[in-house]
C-alpha atoms as a PDB file:
ATOM      1  CA  MET A   1     -19.074   5.226  21.563  1.00  0.00           C
ATOM      2  CA  ALA A   2     -15.259   5.003  21.275  1.00  0.00           C
ATOM      3  CA  ASP A   3     -13.400   3.011  23.971  1.00  0.00           C
ATOM      4  CA  PRO A   4     -11.430   5.481  26.089  1.00  0.00           C
ATOM      5  CA  ARG A   5      -9.039   2.710  26.819  1.00  0.00           C
ATOM      6  CA  ASP A   6      -7.954   2.465  23.242  1.00  0.00           C
ATOM      7  CA  THR A   7      -6.524   5.907  22.982  1.00  0.00           C
ATOM      8  CA  ALA A   8      -4.806   8.388  25.090  1.00  0.00           C
ATOM      9  CA  LYS A   9      -5.329  11.409  22.689  1.00  0.00           C
ATOM     10  CA  ASN A  10      -8.736  12.201  23.866  1.00  0.00           C
ATOM     11  CA  GLN A  11      -7.898  12.606  27.546  1.00  0.00           C
ATOM     12  CA  PRO A  12      -6.176  15.173  29.709  1.00  0.00           C
ATOM     13  CA  ASP A  13      -2.337  14.659  29.173  1.00  0.00           C
ATOM     14  CA  GLY A  14      -1.212  15.615  32.677  1.00  0.00           C
ATOM     15  CA  GLN A  15       0.277  12.238  32.805  1.00  0.00           C
ATOM     16  CA  SER A  16       0.756  11.858  29.047  1.00  0.00           C
ATOM     17  CA  LYS A  17       4.055  10.084  29.508  1.00  0.00           C
ATOM     18  CA  TYR A  18       2.439   7.241  31.484  1.00  0.00           C
ATOM     19  CA  ARG A  19      -1.169   7.532  30.422  1.00  0.00           C
ATOM     20  CA  GLN A  20      -1.078   4.930  27.548  1.00  0.00           C
ATOM     21  CA  LYS A  21       0.532   2.424  30.080  1.00  0.00           C
ATOM     22  CA  TYR A  22      -2.364   3.252  32.509  1.00  0.00           C
ATOM     23  CA  LEU A  23      -4.903   2.598  29.805  1.00  0.00           C
ATOM     24  CA  ASP A  24      -3.294  -0.695  28.993  1.00  0.00           C
ATOM     25  CA  HIS A  25      -3.364  -1.751  32.426  1.00  0.00           C
ATOM     26  CA  ILE A  26      -6.978  -0.756  32.885  1.00  0.00           C
ATOM     27  CA  LYS A  27      -7.714  -3.029  29.875  1.00  0.00           C
ATOM     28  CA  GLU A  28      -6.197  -5.948  31.349  1.00  0.00           C
ATOM     29  CA  ALA A  29      -6.994  -5.368  35.080  1.00  0.00           C
ATOM     30  CA  CYS A  30      -9.324  -7.345  37.142  1.00  0.00           C
ATOM     31  CA  LEU A  31     -10.566  -7.398  40.785  1.00  0.00           C
ATOM     32  CA  MET A  32      -7.765  -9.437  41.808  1.00  0.00           C
ATOM     33  CA  ASP A  33      -5.163  -6.333  40.906  1.00  0.00           C
ATOM     34  CA  ASP A  34      -5.076  -4.617  43.931  1.00  0.00           C
ATOM     35  CA  ASP A  35      -5.145  -0.975  42.513  1.00  0.00           C
ATOM     36  CA  PHE A  36      -8.164  -1.841  40.442  1.00  0.00           C
ATOM     37  CA  PHE A  37     -10.081  -3.486  43.345  1.00  0.00           C
ATOM     38  CA  GLN A  38      -9.278  -0.626  45.626  1.00  0.00           C
ATOM     39  CA  VAL A  39     -10.745   1.934  43.085  1.00  0.00           C
ATOM     40  CA  CYS A  40     -14.005  -0.352  42.347  1.00  0.00           C
ATOM     41  CA  PHE A  41     -14.632  -1.204  46.128  1.00  0.00           C
ATOM     42  CA  GLN A  42     -13.811   2.285  47.433  1.00  0.00           C
ATOM     43  CA  ASN A  43     -16.286   2.996  50.091  1.00  0.00           C
ATOM     44  CA  ASP A  44     -18.759   0.819  48.311  1.00  0.00           C
ATOM     45  CA  THR A  45     -21.053  -0.830  50.648  1.00  0.00           C
ATOM     46  CA  ALA A  46     -23.130  -2.520  47.879  1.00  0.00           C
ATOM     47  CA  CYS A  47     -20.187  -4.431  46.267  1.00  0.00           C
ATOM     48  CA  THR A  48     -18.877  -5.270  49.717  1.00  0.00           C
ATOM     49  CA  GLN A  49     -22.168  -6.469  50.600  1.00  0.00           C
ATOM     50  CA  LEU A  50     -22.497  -8.709  47.691  1.00  0.00           C
ATOM     51  CA  VAL A  51     -19.259 -10.374  48.378  1.00  0.00           C
ATOM     52  CA  LEU A  52     -19.687 -10.852  51.949  1.00  0.00           C
ATOM     53  CA  ARG A  53     -23.265 -12.378  51.307  1.00  0.00           C
ATOM     54  CA  ILE A  54     -21.846 -15.004  49.007  1.00  0.00           C
ATOM     55  CA  ILE A  55     -18.870 -15.864  51.081  1.00  0.00           C
ATOM     56  CA  MET A  56     -20.620 -15.936  54.331  1.00  0.00           C
ATOM     57  CA  GLN A  57     -23.692 -17.544  52.729  1.00  0.00           C
ATOM     58  CA  LYS A  58     -26.061 -15.062  54.366  1.00  0.00           C
ATOM     59  CA  GLU A  59     -28.741 -13.412  52.093  1.00  0.00           C
ATOM     60  CA  ASP A  60     -29.742 -11.082  54.727  1.00  0.00           C
ATOM     61  CA  LEU A  61     -26.514  -9.716  55.623  1.00  0.00           C
ATOM     62  CA  ARG A  62     -26.387  -5.953  55.592  1.00  0.00           C
ATOM     63  CA  VAL A  63     -23.108  -3.980  55.359  1.00  0.00           C
ATOM     64  CA  ILE A  64     -23.306  -0.438  56.877  1.00  0.00           C
ATOM     65  CA  SER A  65     -19.764   0.650  56.267  1.00  0.00           C
ATOM     66  CA  ALA A  66     -17.022  -0.320  54.025  1.00  0.00           C
ATOM     67  CA  GLN A  67     -13.680   1.473  53.791  1.00  0.00           C
ATOM     68  CA  THR A  68     -10.712   0.665  51.376  1.00  0.00           C
ATOM     69  CA  GLN A  69      -7.107   0.799  52.319  1.00  0.00           C
ATOM     70  CA  TYR A  70      -8.177   1.369  56.167  1.00  0.00           C
ATOM     71  CA  THR A  71      -4.931   1.733  58.258  1.00  0.00           C
ATOM     72  CA  ILE A  72      -4.615   0.485  61.760  1.00  0.00           C
ATOM     73  CA  THR A  73      -1.624   2.067  63.490  1.00  0.00           C
ATOM     74  CA  ASN A  74       0.331   0.120  65.902  1.00  0.00           C
ATOM     75  CA  LEU A  75       2.757   2.648  67.734  1.00  0.00           C
ATOM     76  CA  GLU A  76       4.801  -0.175  69.199  1.00  0.00           C
ATOM     77  CA  GLY A  77       5.247  -2.460  66.162  1.00  0.00           C
ATOM     78  CA  HIS A  78       4.031  -3.262  62.671  1.00  0.00           C
ATOM     79  CA  SER A  79       1.063  -1.271  61.318  1.00  0.00           C
ATOM     80  CA  VAL A  80      -1.564  -2.816  58.767  1.00  0.00           C
ATOM     81  CA  ARG A  81      -3.365  -1.601  55.861  1.00  0.00           C
ATOM     82  CA  LEU A  82      -6.545  -3.287  55.275  1.00  0.00           C
ATOM     83  CA  ASP A  83      -7.857  -3.598  51.767  1.00  0.00           C
ATOM     84  CA  VAL A  84     -11.479  -3.606  52.828  1.00  0.00           C
ATOM     85  CA  TYR A  85     -12.609  -3.058  56.326  1.00  0.00           C
ATOM     86  CA  ALA A  86     -16.412  -3.535  56.827  1.00  0.00           C
ATOM     87  CA  THR A  87     -18.873  -3.587  59.481  1.00  0.00           C
ATOM     88  CA  ASP A  88     -22.289  -5.380  59.233  1.00  0.00           C
ATOM     89  CA  SER A  89     -25.731  -4.347  60.994  1.00  0.00           C
ATOM     90  CA  SER A  90     -24.899  -6.930  63.734  1.00  0.00           C
ATOM     91  CA  GLY A  91     -21.601  -5.054  64.427  1.00  0.00           C
ATOM     92  CA  ILE A  92     -19.527  -8.062  63.089  1.00  0.00           C
ATOM     93  CA  GLN A  93     -16.211  -6.698  61.714  1.00  0.00           C
ATOM     94  CA  TYR A  94     -14.575  -7.983  58.382  1.00  0.00           C
ATOM     95  CA  ASP A  95     -11.151  -7.562  57.064  1.00  0.00           C
ATOM     96  CA  ILE A  96     -11.152  -8.494  53.343  1.00  0.00           C
ATOM     97  CA  GLU A  97      -7.658  -9.065  51.794  1.00  0.00           C
ATOM     98  CA  ILE A  98      -6.785  -9.527  47.968  1.00  0.00           C
ATOM     99  CA  GLN A  99      -3.852 -11.686  47.648  1.00  0.00           C
ATOM    100  CA  ASN A 100      -1.991 -12.638  44.498  1.00  0.00           C
ATOM    101  CA  SER A 101       1.053 -13.970  46.304  1.00  0.00           C
ATOM    102  CA  ASN A 102       1.166 -16.755  48.787  1.00  0.00           C
ATOM    103  CA  LYS A 103       3.662 -14.767  50.944  1.00  0.00           C
ATOM    104  CA  GLY A 104       0.973 -12.178  51.432  1.00  0.00           C
ATOM    105  CA  ALA A 105      -1.691 -14.584  52.614  1.00  0.00           C
ATOM    106  CA  LEU A 106       0.339 -16.245  55.304  1.00  0.00           C
ATOM    107  CA  PRO A 107      -1.629 -17.741  58.244  1.00  0.00           C
ATOM    108  CA  ARG A 108       0.298 -15.652  60.762  1.00  0.00           C
ATOM    109  CA  ARG A 109      -0.611 -12.442  58.766  1.00  0.00           C
ATOM    110  CA  ALA A 110      -4.251 -13.284  59.259  1.00  0.00           C
ATOM    111  CA  ARG A 111      -3.641 -13.872  62.882  1.00  0.00           C
ATOM    112  CA  TYR A 112      -1.860 -10.468  63.207  1.00  0.00           C
ATOM    113  CA  ASN A 113      -4.596  -8.567  61.320  1.00  0.00           C
ATOM    114  CA  SER A 114      -7.175 -10.143  63.745  1.00  0.00           C
ATOM    115  CA  SER A 115      -5.180  -9.078  66.613  1.00  0.00           C
ATOM    116  CA  LEU A 116      -4.936  -5.525  65.446  1.00  0.00           C
ATOM    117  CA  ILE A 117      -8.501  -5.251  64.712  1.00  0.00           C
ATOM    118  CA  ASP A 118      -9.217  -6.568  68.306  1.00  0.00           C
ATOM    119  CA  GLY A 119      -6.797  -3.940  69.742  1.00  0.00           C
ATOM    120  CA  LYS A 120      -8.602  -1.220  67.836  1.00  0.00           C
ATOM    121  CA  MET A 121     -12.147  -2.246  69.149  1.00  0.00           C
ATOM    122  CA  LEU A 122     -11.678  -2.699  72.695  1.00  0.00           C
ATOM    123  CA  LEU A 123     -11.361   0.377  74.598  1.00  0.00           C
ATOM    124  CA  PRO A 124      -9.414   0.713  77.955  1.00  0.00           C
ATOM    125  CA  ASN A 125     -11.112  -0.565  81.136  1.00  0.00           C
ATOM    126  CA  HIS A 126     -13.920  -2.136  78.801  1.00  0.00           C
ATOM    127  CA  ASP A 127     -15.199  -5.707  79.359  1.00  0.00           C
ATOM    128  CA  TYR A 128     -13.555  -8.215  76.994  1.00  0.00           C
ATOM    129  CA  ARG A 129     -17.121  -9.688  76.288  1.00  0.00           C
ATOM    130  CA  LEU A 130     -17.621  -6.435  74.275  1.00  0.00           C
ATOM    131  CA  LEU A 131     -15.279  -7.527  71.621  1.00  0.00           C
ATOM    132  CA  PRO A 132     -17.043  -7.798  68.324  1.00  0.00           C
ATOM    133  CA  GLU A 133     -16.983 -11.133  66.196  1.00  0.00           C
ATOM    134  CA  THR A 134     -14.367 -10.607  63.501  1.00  0.00           C
ATOM    135  CA  TYR A 135     -13.551 -12.053  60.189  1.00  0.00           C
ATOM    136  CA  VAL A 136     -10.239 -11.959  58.110  1.00  0.00           C
ATOM    137  CA  ILE A 137     -10.878 -13.123  54.840  1.00  0.00           C
ATOM    138  CA  PHE A 138      -8.252 -13.697  52.265  1.00  0.00           C
ATOM    139  CA  ILE A 139      -9.322 -13.970  48.568  1.00  0.00           C
ATOM    140  CA  THR A 140      -6.350 -15.568  46.950  1.00  0.00           C
ATOM    141  CA  GLN A 141      -4.985 -16.079  43.487  1.00  0.00           C
ATOM    142  CA  ASN A 142      -3.647 -19.573  44.541  1.00  0.00           C
ATOM    143  CA  ASP A 143      -4.606 -22.531  46.802  1.00  0.00           C
ATOM    144  CA  VAL A 144      -2.474 -20.990  49.590  1.00  0.00           C
ATOM    145  CA  LEU A 145      -3.456 -23.607  52.253  1.00  0.00           C
ATOM    146  CA  GLU A 146      -3.207 -26.453  49.604  1.00  0.00           C
ATOM    147  CA  LYS A 147      -6.297 -28.163  50.538  1.00  0.00           C
ATOM    148  CA  GLY A 148      -7.776 -28.401  47.310  1.00  0.00           C
ATOM    149  CA  LEU A 149     -11.120 -26.433  48.389  1.00  0.00           C
ATOM    150  CA  PRO A 150     -12.812 -23.448  47.020  1.00  0.00           C
ATOM    151  CA  ILE A 151     -13.084 -22.208  50.555  1.00  0.00           C
ATOM    152  CA  CYS A 152     -11.599 -22.814  53.955  1.00  0.00           C
ATOM    153  CA  HIS A 153     -13.014 -21.908  57.215  1.00  0.00           C
ATOM    154  CA  ILE A 154     -10.549 -21.603  60.182  1.00  0.00           C
ATOM    155  CA  ASP A 155     -11.839 -21.546  63.881  1.00  0.00           C
ATOM    156  CA  ARG A 156     -10.398 -22.216  67.152  1.00  0.00           C
ATOM    157  CA  HIS A 157     -11.436 -25.584  68.824  1.00  0.00           C
ATOM    158  CA  ILE A 158     -10.469 -27.544  72.064  1.00  0.00           C
ATOM    159  CA  SER A 159      -7.999 -30.148  70.886  1.00  0.00           C
ATOM    160  CA  GLU A 160      -9.278 -32.821  73.484  1.00  0.00           C
ATOM    161  CA  THR A 161     -12.949 -32.686  72.848  1.00  0.00           C
ATOM    162  CA  GLY A 162     -12.953 -31.009  69.362  1.00  0.00           C
ATOM    163  CA  ASP A 163     -15.598 -28.499  70.813  1.00  0.00           C
ATOM    164  CA  ALA A 164     -15.545 -24.942  69.279  1.00  0.00           C
ATOM    165  CA  PHE A 165     -13.441 -22.354  71.386  1.00  0.00           C
ATOM    166  CA  ASP A 166     -15.957 -19.520  70.814  1.00  0.00           C
ATOM    167  CA  ASP A 167     -13.613 -16.464  71.023  1.00  0.00           C
ATOM    168  CA  GLY A 168     -15.542 -14.744  68.016  1.00  0.00           C
ATOM    169  CA  SER A 169     -12.254 -14.582  65.855  1.00  0.00           C
ATOM    170  CA  HIS A 170     -12.706 -16.336  62.274  1.00  0.00           C
ATOM    171  CA  ILE A 171     -10.432 -16.719  59.382  1.00  0.00           C
ATOM    172  CA  ILE A 172     -11.487 -17.697  55.936  1.00  0.00           C
ATOM    173  CA  TYR A 173      -9.360 -18.342  52.866  1.00  0.00           C
ATOM    174  CA  VAL A 174     -11.124 -18.276  49.288  1.00  0.00           C
ATOM    175  CA  ASN A 175      -9.616 -19.738  46.570  1.00  0.00           C
ATOM    176  CA  THR A 176     -10.230 -17.912  43.041  1.00  0.00           C
ATOM    177  CA  GLY A 177      -8.976 -20.871  41.218  1.00  0.00           C
ATOM    178  CA  PHE A 178     -12.389 -22.656  41.678  1.00  0.00           C
ATOM    179  CA  THR A 179     -14.930 -21.062  39.365  1.00  0.00           C
ATOM    180  CA  ASP A 180     -18.033 -23.548  38.989  1.00  0.00           C
ATOM    181  CA  ASP A 181     -21.616 -22.563  38.784  1.00  0.00           C
ATOM    182  CA  SER A 182     -22.084 -22.278  42.587  1.00  0.00           C
ATOM    183  CA  PRO A 183     -22.686 -18.589  43.813  1.00  0.00           C
ATOM    184  CA  LEU A 184     -19.029 -18.600  45.112  1.00  0.00           C
ATOM    185  CA  GLY A 185     -17.563 -19.983  42.016  1.00  0.00           C
ATOM    186  CA  LYS A 186     -19.373 -17.471  39.871  1.00  0.00           C
ATOM    187  CA  LEU A 187     -18.053 -14.667  42.346  1.00  0.00           C
ATOM    188  CA  MET A 188     -14.548 -15.936  41.978  1.00  0.00           C
ATOM    189  CA  TYR A 189     -14.864 -16.019  38.142  1.00  0.00           C
ATOM    190  CA  ASP A 190     -15.953 -12.400  38.278  1.00  0.00           C
ATOM    191  CA  PHE A 191     -12.851 -11.440  40.443  1.00  0.00           C
ATOM    192  CA  ARG A 192     -10.456 -12.876  37.702  1.00  0.00           C
ATOM    193  CA  CYS A 193     -12.603 -11.736  34.617  1.00  0.00           C
ATOM    194  CA  THR A 194     -11.131  -8.924  32.789  1.00  0.00           C
ATOM    195  CA  GLU A 195     -14.199  -8.260  30.682  1.00  0.00           C
ATOM    196  CA  PRO A 196     -17.051  -6.874  32.462  1.00  0.00           C
ATOM    197  CA  LYS A 197     -19.676  -8.030  29.895  1.00  0.00           C
ATOM    198  CA  GLN A 198     -18.637 -11.646  30.719  1.00  0.00           C
ATOM    199  CA  MET A 199     -19.225 -11.379  34.416  1.00  0.00           C
ATOM    200  CA  ASN A 200     -21.947 -13.111  36.466  1.00  0.00           C
ATOM    201  CA  TYR A 201     -22.867 -10.365  38.650  1.00  0.00           C
ATOM    202  CA  ALA A 202     -24.375  -7.220  37.427  1.00  0.00           C
ATOM    203  CA  LEU A 203     -23.475  -5.142  40.105  1.00  0.00           C
ATOM    204  CA  LEU A 204     -19.664  -5.997  39.649  1.00  0.00           C
ATOM    205  CA  ALA A 205     -19.886  -5.637  35.994  1.00  0.00           C
ATOM    206  CA  THR A 206     -21.553  -2.305  36.178  1.00  0.00           C
ATOM    207  CA  LYS A 207     -18.848  -1.187  38.743  1.00  0.00           C
ATOM    208  CA  THR A 208     -16.000  -2.483  36.750  1.00  0.00           C
ATOM    209  CA  GLY A 209     -17.414  -1.287  33.427  1.00  0.00           C
ATOM    210  CA  HIS A 210     -17.586   2.188  34.744  1.00  0.00           C
ATOM    211  CA  PHE A 211     -13.681   2.267  35.315  1.00  0.00           C
ATOM    212  CA  LYS A 212     -12.941   0.428  32.022  1.00  0.00           C
ATOM    213  CA  TYR A 213     -15.400   2.033  29.719  1.00  0.00           C
ATOM    214  CA  GLU A 214     -16.723   5.249  30.630  1.00  0.00           C
ATOM    215  CA  ASP A 215     -14.652   8.406  30.381  1.00  0.00           C
ATOM    216  CA  LYS A 216     -14.905   9.847  33.910  1.00  0.00           C
ATOM    217  CA  GLY A 217     -14.198   6.240  35.350  1.00  0.00           C
ATOM    218  CA  VAL A 218     -11.183   5.709  33.050  1.00  0.00           C
ATOM    219  CA  ASN A 219      -9.911   9.187  34.016  1.00  0.00           C
ATOM    220  CA  ASP A 220     -10.524   8.700  37.646  1.00  0.00           C
ATOM    221  CA  MET A 221      -8.665   5.343  37.309  1.00  0.00           C
ATOM    222  CA  CYS A 222      -5.895   6.941  35.525  1.00  0.00           C
ATOM    223  CA  ASP A 223      -5.624   9.672  38.165  1.00  0.00           C
ATOM    224  CA  PHE A 224      -5.499   6.940  40.768  1.00  0.00           C
ATOM    225  CA  LEU A 225      -2.705   5.143  39.104  1.00  0.00           C
ATOM    226  CA  GLU A 226      -0.754   8.274  38.853  1.00  0.00           C
ATOM    227  CA  GLU A 227      -1.200   9.020  42.479  1.00  0.00           C
ATOM    228  CA  LEU A 228       0.213   5.526  43.125  1.00  0.00           C
ATOM    229  CA  ARG A 229       3.073   6.186  40.802  1.00  0.00           C
ATOM    230  CA  GLN A 230       3.742   9.286  42.501  1.00  0.00           C
ATOM    231  CA  GLU A 231       3.363   7.812  46.098  1.00  0.00           C
ATOM    232  CA  GLY A 232       5.630   5.116  44.935  1.00  0.00           C
ATOM    233  CA  ARG A 233       8.264   7.523  43.547  1.00  0.00           C
ATOM    234  CA  LYS A 234       8.093   9.466  46.921  1.00  0.00           C
ATOM    235  CA  GLU A 235       8.402   6.297  48.992  1.00  0.00           C
ATOM    236  CA  ALA A 236      11.332   5.185  46.759  1.00  0.00           C
ATOM    237  CA  GLU A 237      12.981   8.614  47.272  1.00  0.00           C
ATOM    238  CA  GLU A 238      12.395   8.446  50.943  1.00  0.00           C
ATOM    239  CA  GLU A 239      13.714   4.843  51.097  1.00  0.00           C
ATOM    240  CA  ALA A 240      16.856   5.922  49.055  1.00  0.00           C
ATOM    241  CA  LYS A 241      17.485   8.927  51.263  1.00  0.00           C
ATOM    242  CA  ALA A 242      16.999   6.585  54.430  1.00  0.00           C
ATOM    243  CA  ALA A 243      19.239   4.009  52.768  1.00  0.00           C
ATOM    244  CA  ILE A 244      21.805   6.796  51.997  1.00  0.00           C
ATOM    245  CA  ALA A 245      21.543   8.155  55.476  1.00  0.00           C
ATOM    246  CA  GLN A 246      22.049   4.739  56.974  1.00  0.00           C
ATOM    247  CA  ALA A 247      24.939   3.900  54.798  1.00  0.00           C
ATOM    248  CA  LYS A 248      26.646   7.201  55.875  1.00  0.00           C
ATOM    249  CA  ALA A 249      25.863   6.386  59.472  1.00  0.00           C
ATOM    250  CA  GLU A 250      27.106   2.799  59.023  1.00  0.00           C
ATOM    251  CA  THR A 251      30.205   4.328  57.051  1.00  0.00           C
ATOM    252  CA  ALA A 252      30.722   7.002  60.028  1.00  0.00           C
ATOM    253  CA  GLU A 253      30.572   4.102  62.615  1.00  0.00           C
ATOM    254  CA  ALA A 254      33.058   2.046  60.614  1.00  0.00           C
ATOM    255  CA  ASN A 255      35.520   4.775  60.300  1.00  0.00           C
ATOM    256  CA  LYS A 256      35.112   5.258  64.064  1.00  0.00           C
ATOM    257  CA  ARG A 257      35.796   1.659  64.686  1.00  0.00           C
ATOM    258  CA  THR A 258      38.648   1.610  62.303  1.00  0.00           C
ATOM    259  CA  ALA A 259      40.362   4.771  64.062  1.00  0.00           C
ATOM    260  CA  GLU A 260      39.879   3.064  67.362  1.00  0.00           C
ATOM    261  CA  ALA A 261      41.483  -0.113  65.778  1.00  0.00           C
ATOM    262  CA  ASN A 262      44.300   1.926  64.528  1.00  0.00           C
ATOM    263  CA  GLU A 263      44.713   3.579  67.744  1.00  0.00           C
ATOM    264  CA  ARG A 264      44.825   0.207  69.593  1.00  0.00           C
ATOM    265  CA  THR A 265      47.291  -1.100  66.982  1.00  0.00           C
ATOM    266  CA  ALA A 266      49.459   1.954  67.555  1.00  0.00           C
ATOM    267  CA  GLU A 267      49.193   1.478  71.296  1.00  0.00           C
ATOM    268  CA  ALA A 268      50.129  -2.270  70.858  1.00  0.00           C
ATOM    269  CA  LYS A 269      53.078  -1.399  68.653  1.00  0.00           C
ATOM    270  CA  ASN A 270      54.243   1.167  71.313  1.00  0.00           C
ATOM    271  CA  GLU A 271      53.853  -1.447  74.020  1.00  0.00           C
ATOM    272  CA  ALA A 272      55.639  -3.977  71.827  1.00  0.00           C
ATOM    273  CA  ALA A 273      58.431  -1.641  71.332  1.00  0.00           C
ATOM    274  CA  GLU A 274      58.800  -0.892  74.966  1.00  0.00           C
ATOM    275  CA  ALA A 275      58.682  -4.570  75.843  1.00  0.00           C
ATOM    276  CA  LYS A 276      61.268  -5.163  73.143  1.00  0.00           C
ATOM    277  CA  SER A 277      63.542  -2.370  74.770  1.00  0.00           C
ATOM    278  CA  GLN A 278      62.875  -3.932  78.028  1.00  0.00           C
ATOM    279  CA  VAL A 279      63.751  -7.367  76.753  1.00  0.00           C
ATOM    280  CA  ALA A 280      66.934  -5.954  75.392  1.00  0.00           C
ATOM    281  CA  GLU A 281      67.930  -4.221  78.602  1.00  0.00           C
ATOM    282  CA  ALA A 282      67.238  -7.373  80.442  1.00  0.00           C
ATOM    283  CA  ASN A 283      69.433  -9.358  78.012  1.00  0.00           C
ATOM    284  CA  LYS A 284      72.208  -6.753  78.500  1.00  0.00           C
ATOM    285  CA  GLN A 285      71.883  -7.125  82.243  1.00  0.00           C
ATOM    286  CA  VAL A 286      71.983 -10.825  81.975  1.00  0.00           C
ATOM    287  CA  ALA A 287      74.999 -10.555  79.754  1.00  0.00           C
ATOM    288  CA  GLU A 288      76.858  -8.331  82.150  1.00  0.00           C
ATOM    289  CA  ALA A 289      76.018 -10.704  84.948  1.00  0.00           C
ATOM    290  CA  ASN A 290      77.276 -13.577  82.937  1.00  0.00           C
ATOM    291  CA  GLN A 291      80.554 -11.653  82.351  1.00  0.00           C
ATOM    292  CA  GLN A 292      80.707 -10.769  86.112  1.00  0.00           C
ATOM    293  CA  VAL A 293      80.248 -14.520  86.876  1.00  0.00           C
ATOM    294  CA  ALA A 294      82.774 -15.545  84.249  1.00  0.00           C
ATOM    295  CA  ALA A 295      85.238 -12.998  85.637  1.00  0.00           C
ATOM    296  CA  ALA A 296      84.526 -14.187  89.258  1.00  0.00           C
ATOM    297  CA  LEU A 297      84.933 -17.977  88.171  1.00  0.00           C
ATOM    298  CA  ALA A 298      88.285 -17.000  86.390  1.00  0.00           C
ATOM    299  CA  LYS A 299      89.598 -15.013  89.402  1.00  0.00           C
ATOM    300  CA  ALA A 300      88.672 -17.896  91.631  1.00  0.00           C
ATOM    301  CA  THR A 301      90.519 -20.297  89.339  1.00  0.00           C
ATOM    302  CA  ALA A 302      93.410 -18.172  89.270  1.00  0.00           C
ATOM    303  CA  VAL A 303      93.659 -17.544  92.937  1.00  0.00           C
ATOM    304  CA  LYS A 304      93.357 -21.468  93.519  1.00  0.00           C
ATOM    305  CA  ASN A 305      96.103 -21.952  91.041  1.00  0.00           C
ATOM    306  CA  ALA A 306      98.367 -19.314  92.588  1.00  0.00           C
ATOM    307  CA  LEU A 307      97.934 -20.862  95.838  1.00  0.00           C
ATOM    308  CA  LYS A 308      98.854 -24.379  94.618  1.00  0.00           C
ATOM    309  CA  MET A 309     101.858 -22.912  92.890  1.00  0.00           C
ATOM    310  CA  LEU A 310     102.905 -20.879  96.181  1.00  0.00           C
ATOM    311  CA  MET A 311     102.366 -24.072  98.372  1.00  0.00           C
ATOM    312  CA  SER A 312     104.733 -25.912  95.910  1.00  0.00           C
ATOM    313  CA  GLY A 313     107.494 -23.376  96.244  1.00  0.00           C
ATOM    314  CA  LYS A 314     108.788 -24.099  92.836  1.00  0.00           C
ATOM    315  CA  LEU A 315     108.053 -20.787  91.020  1.00  0.00           C
ATOM    316  CA  THR A 316     109.067 -17.242  91.607  1.00  0.00           C
ATOM    317  CA  LEU A 317     106.242 -14.800  92.578  1.00  0.00           C
ATOM    318  CA  ASP A 318     106.878 -13.104  89.149  1.00  0.00           C
ATOM    319  CA  GLU A 319     106.189 -16.432  87.374  1.00  0.00           C
ATOM    320  CA  ILE A 320     103.159 -17.139  89.295  1.00  0.00           C
ATOM    321  CA  ALA A 321     101.840 -13.661  88.590  1.00  0.00           C
ATOM    322  CA  GLU A 322     102.482 -14.347  84.719  1.00  0.00           C
ATOM    323  CA  TYR A 323     100.842 -17.807  84.740  1.00  0.00           C
ATOM    324  CA  THR A 324      97.878 -16.836  86.532  1.00  0.00           C
ATOM    325  CA  ASN A 325      97.284 -13.225  85.196  1.00  0.00           C
ATOM    326  CA  LEU A 326      97.224 -12.064  88.848  1.00  0.00           C
ATOM    327  CA  SER A 327      98.970  -8.746  89.572  1.00  0.00           C
ATOM    328  CA  LEU A 328     102.150  -9.079  91.420  1.00  0.00           C
ATOM    329  CA  ASP A 329     100.756  -7.514  94.637  1.00  0.00           C
ATOM    330  CA  GLU A 330      97.893  -9.924  94.584  1.00  0.00           C
ATOM    331  CA  VAL A 331     100.370 -12.802  94.472  1.00  0.00           C
ATOM    332  CA  LYS A 332     102.517 -11.237  97.198  1.00  0.00           C
ATOM    333  CA  GLU A 333      99.273 -10.947  99.351  1.00  0.00           C
ATOM    334  CA  TYR A 334      98.378 -14.701  98.763  1.00  0.00           C
ATOM    335  CA  ALA A 335     102.111 -15.573  99.394  1.00  0.00           C
ATOM    336  CA  ALA A 336     101.910 -13.836 102.831  1.00  0.00           C
ATOM    337  CA  ILE A 337      98.869 -15.844 103.512  1.00  0.00           C
ATOM    338  CA  THR A 338     100.449 -19.203 102.606  1.00  0.00           C
ATOM    339  CA  SER A 339     103.392 -18.256 104.735  1.00  0.00           C
ATOM    340  CA  ALA A 340     101.371 -17.695 107.613  1.00  0.00           C
ATOM    341  CA  ALA A 341      99.749 -20.975 107.126  1.00  0.00           C
ATOM    342  CA  LYS A 342     102.793 -22.936 107.136  1.00  0.00           C
END
């Protein structure tokens, strides 16, 4: 049988422009690729059960439901989309996250996912003891916690005594970098393996092989990748529209602030011009006052000198008027005063 991944000619070409890229991606994909994992594990309780039995080391663990890309909406904050949300026969809830970047597996993200699962499970007015046990499991490309271990279990404890604080919430980090002969090591090898024929677990090999080799599986995978591309394009368009709208709003706000600033500048200029005019008027009044004071001082000096001259009796009234710049009538008036004084 021809490998459907090696040619795009024998498949429907609804996405002919991108189909060969999809086929190339499928060929190199492994379960650590989010899109490939999502399709392979879509509502698959058997594959989810296999993974949880190995990670939890419980051979009798039975998964009764498994949903991929399960969204928990937070109306007042950040919503989350869980890669796999599963429930076992004991009612324990599991969030399995595939993370290739350290940023995507931050400890506080695990805390947040756990809190939203709790918020979803507890109904109003219900007893807190009804909260189920929960596990947030990160399967990571790298040793995110940098402990050099294949698996790390995080549980709360009382610092002073070291006793467990049994609140029912657990976090597990699984490092796919460890691929030894243990059940967990073999599972992590399978998660990074691109060739189903080389996988350790037949169930995973069969499931991944379906989407890598069989026509229907390959076509379904291509359709899924096309849907992702269309969704990505739609999201990009919506983000672009939102960005343009925000830019327009910010520009309008900036223009508004600029207009207000220009208005304030014009008002300031008018106030400055008015103040300048008032200063000029004040300076004019000061100059006039100075002139009046100078004239008064000059007049007082002239009168003083005229009185001295009149008292001396050596000059005529005309001569005194000429020397002091007083009018003859003024000199005569002062002469009468001095005569009365003598």
